[in-house]
């Protein structure tokens, strides 16, 4: 599945906002071309809320283990609950000890930087991982919607993201 097909799938989720920074967006140039997925039923960029998933198309200064600067490589990153993280990686998020090839394509790995916070990553999803990636994106979207609803019911509006927490 292509990066664009994944973006289009998420755009079809009710209340999804897909942000793809580019020139003139006010975002740092480093983020241009990457995709950030939010639950935002009003279509406005949420404040104080982290995305529930991302697609990155290049290495970042603190995130080079996947070798995304090579042509044609990109990585889907999704925040998942603890049970899902264990099922996909075989480890607890906060107890990562296995050596990993973070550049391996079509394989679930803990995110090279945010794995301890419950994020999984797949470089160039293919036949082995695409269906699961799409399911994880749906689940992450639904979890973001549930957090949004809890904040709204508590009178907090759409602020106070807790993406760093492992559920």
Protein backbone atom coordinates (compact mmCIF):
# COMPACT_ATOMS: atom_id res chain seq x y z
CA UNK A 1 0.00 0.00 0.00
CA UNK A 2 1.30 3.43 -0.81
CA UNK A 3 1.72 6.30 1.61
CA UNK A 4 -1.01 8.21 -0.25
CA UNK A 5 -3.44 5.29 0.09
CA UNK A 6 -2.89 5.25 3.84
CA UNK A 7 -3.41 9.02 4.04
CA UNK A 8 -6.60 8.74 1.98
CA UNK A 9 -7.88 5.92 4.22
CA UNK A 10 -7.36 7.99 7.37
CA UNK A 11 -8.96 11.04 5.76
CA UNK A 12 -12.12 8.94 5.40
CA UNK A 13 -12.34 8.33 9.17
CA UNK A 14 -15.10 10.41 10.75
CA UNK A 15 -13.56 13.49 12.38
CA UNK A 16 -10.06 12.86 11.06
CA UNK A 17 -7.71 15.72 10.32
CA UNK A 18 -4.62 14.92 8.27
CA UNK A 19 -1.98 17.64 8.35
CA UNK A 20 0.79 17.55 5.73
CA UNK A 21 3.05 20.56 6.25
CA UNK A 22 4.63 22.28 3.29
CA UNK A 23 6.00 25.66 2.24
CA UNK A 24 3.95 28.48 3.73
CA UNK A 25 2.35 26.24 6.38
CA UNK A 26 4.27 27.79 9.26
CA UNK A 27 5.75 24.38 10.10
CA UNK A 28 9.48 23.74 10.24
CA UNK A 29 10.93 22.74 6.87
CA UNK A 30 12.04 19.42 8.38
CA UNK A 31 8.36 18.39 8.73
CA UNK A 32 7.40 19.25 5.15
CA UNK A 33 5.94 16.24 3.36
CA UNK A 34 5.29 14.22 6.49
CA UNK A 35 1.72 13.47 7.63
CA UNK A 36 0.22 13.95 11.09
CA UNK A 37 -3.12 12.35 12.04
CA UNK A 38 -5.51 13.90 14.58
CA UNK A 39 -9.07 13.53 15.72
CA UNK A 40 -10.53 16.99 15.09
CA UNK A 41 -14.26 16.92 14.28
CA UNK A 42 -14.30 20.68 13.73
CA UNK A 43 -11.49 20.43 11.16
CA UNK A 44 -9.30 22.79 13.19
CA UNK A 45 -5.76 21.89 14.23
CA UNK A 46 -6.02 20.72 17.86
CA UNK A 47 -4.03 22.66 20.45
CA UNK A 48 -2.01 20.84 23.11
CA UNK A 49 -2.78 17.44 21.55
CA UNK A 50 -0.22 15.19 19.90
CA UNK A 51 -1.12 13.25 16.74
CA UNK A 52 -2.22 9.66 17.23
CA UNK A 53 -0.19 8.55 14.21
CA UNK A 54 2.30 9.96 11.74
CA UNK A 55 4.01 9.14 8.48
CA UNK A 56 7.59 10.34 8.17
CA UNK A 57 9.49 10.50 4.93
CA UNK A 58 12.96 11.32 6.12
CA UNK A 59 15.34 10.98 9.03
CA UNK A 60 15.09 13.50 11.84
CA UNK A 61 18.20 14.57 13.80
CA UNK A 62 17.28 12.35 16.78
CA UNK A 63 15.66 9.59 14.69
CA UNK A 64 17.95 8.03 12.09
CA UNK A 65 17.68 4.29 12.88
CA UNK A 66 15.23 3.61 10.04
CA UNK A 67 17.47 5.12 7.35
CA UNK A 68 14.59 7.06 5.83
CA UNK A 69 16.88 9.36 3.85
CA UNK A 70 17.31 6.52 1.32
CA UNK A 71 15.07 6.96 -1.76
CA UNK A 72 11.56 5.53 -1.56
CA UNK A 73 11.51 4.87 2.18
CA UNK A 74 8.87 6.13 4.61
CA UNK A 75 7.55 4.97 7.97
CA UNK A 76 4.12 4.78 9.59
CA UNK A 77 4.13 5.41 13.36
CA UNK A 78 1.08 4.63 15.51
CA UNK A 79 0.39 5.02 19.21
CA UNK A 80 -1.09 1.77 20.52
CA UNK A 81 -2.23 0.36 23.86
CA UNK A 82 0.09 -1.81 25.97
CA UNK A 83 -1.54 -5.12 24.99
CA UNK A 84 -1.23 -4.36 21.29
CA UNK A 85 2.35 -3.20 21.74
CA UNK A 86 3.27 -6.48 23.45
CA UNK A 87 1.50 -8.53 20.77
CA UNK A 88 3.30 -6.75 17.93
CA UNK A 89 6.78 -6.43 19.45
CA UNK A 90 7.01 -9.18 22.06
CA UNK A 91 8.15 -6.67 24.68
CA UNK A 92 6.80 -4.23 27.24
CA UNK A 93 7.01 -0.62 26.05
CA UNK A 94 9.06 0.55 29.01
CA UNK A 95 11.34 -2.50 29.03
CA UNK A 96 12.76 -2.64 25.51
CA UNK A 97 15.94 -4.71 25.39
CA UNK A 98 15.95 -6.61 22.07
CA UNK A 99 18.25 -5.55 19.27
CA UNK A 100 16.11 -4.36 16.35
CA UNK A 101 16.63 -3.61 12.68
CA UNK A 102 14.54 -0.43 12.55
CA UNK A 103 15.24 -0.14 8.82
CA UNK A 104 13.61 -3.49 7.99
CA UNK A 105 10.62 -2.99 5.70
CA UNK A 106 7.15 -4.45 6.31
CA UNK A 107 7.94 -5.39 9.93
CA UNK A 108 6.48 -4.06 13.18
CA UNK A 109 9.06 -2.57 15.51
CA UNK A 110 8.91 -0.34 18.55
CA UNK A 111 9.33 3.23 17.33
CA UNK A 112 13.10 3.89 17.42
CA UNK A 113 12.66 6.95 19.68
CA UNK A 114 9.14 6.69 21.17
CA UNK A 115 8.76 2.93 21.57
CA UNK A 116 8.91 3.25 25.36
CA UNK A 117 5.85 5.52 25.12
CA UNK A 118 3.78 2.91 23.28
CA UNK A 119 4.48 3.79 19.66
CA UNK A 120 5.03 1.13 16.98
CA UNK A 121 6.53 1.74 13.55
CA UNK A 122 6.57 0.07 10.14
CA UNK A 123 8.88 1.07 7.31
CA UNK A 124 7.12 0.76 3.92
CA UNK A 125 4.14 -1.39 4.96
CA UNK A 126 3.58 -4.24 2.53
CA UNK A 127 1.85 -7.62 2.34
CA UNK A 128 2.85 -8.61 5.90
CA UNK A 129 1.68 -5.49 7.73
CA UNK A 130 -0.72 -3.35 5.68
CA UNK A 131 -3.99 -4.81 7.02
CA UNK A 132 -2.73 -4.56 10.61
CA UNK A 133 -1.45 -0.99 10.08
CA UNK A 134 -4.86 0.08 8.80
CA UNK A 135 -6.56 -1.58 11.78
CA UNK A 136 -4.15 0.11 14.20
CA UNK A 137 -4.81 3.49 12.59
CA UNK A 138 -8.56 2.95 13.05
CA UNK A 139 -8.05 1.92 16.69
CA UNK A 140 -5.76 4.89 17.37
CA UNK A 141 -8.31 7.22 15.77
CA UNK A 142 -11.10 5.75 17.91
CA UNK A 143 -8.95 6.11 21.05
CA UNK A 144 -8.24 9.76 20.15
CA UNK A 145 -11.97 10.33 19.68
CA UNK A 146 -12.66 8.78 23.10
CA UNK A 147 -10.05 11.07 24.72
CA UNK A 148 -11.61 14.06 22.96
CA UNK A 149 -15.08 13.10 24.25
CA UNK A 150 -13.80 12.60 27.83
CA UNK A 151 -12.14 16.04 27.77
CA UNK A 152 -15.27 17.63 26.37
CA UNK A 153 -17.48 15.96 29.01
CA UNK A 154 -15.07 17.11 31.71
CA UNK A 155 -15.38 20.66 30.41
CA UNK A 156 -11.84 20.76 29.10
CA UNK A 157 -12.70 21.31 25.46
CA UNK A 158 -10.24 19.77 23.05
CA UNK A 159 -7.08 20.38 25.05
CA UNK A 160 -4.83 18.19 27.13
CA UNK A 161 -3.51 15.43 24.89
CA UNK A 162 -1.89 12.48 26.60
CA UNK A 163 -0.20 10.73 23.72
CA UNK A 164 2.88 9.99 25.77
CA UNK A 165 0.94 7.71 28.09
CA UNK A 166 0.90 4.00 27.52
CA UNK A 167 -2.68 2.82 27.99
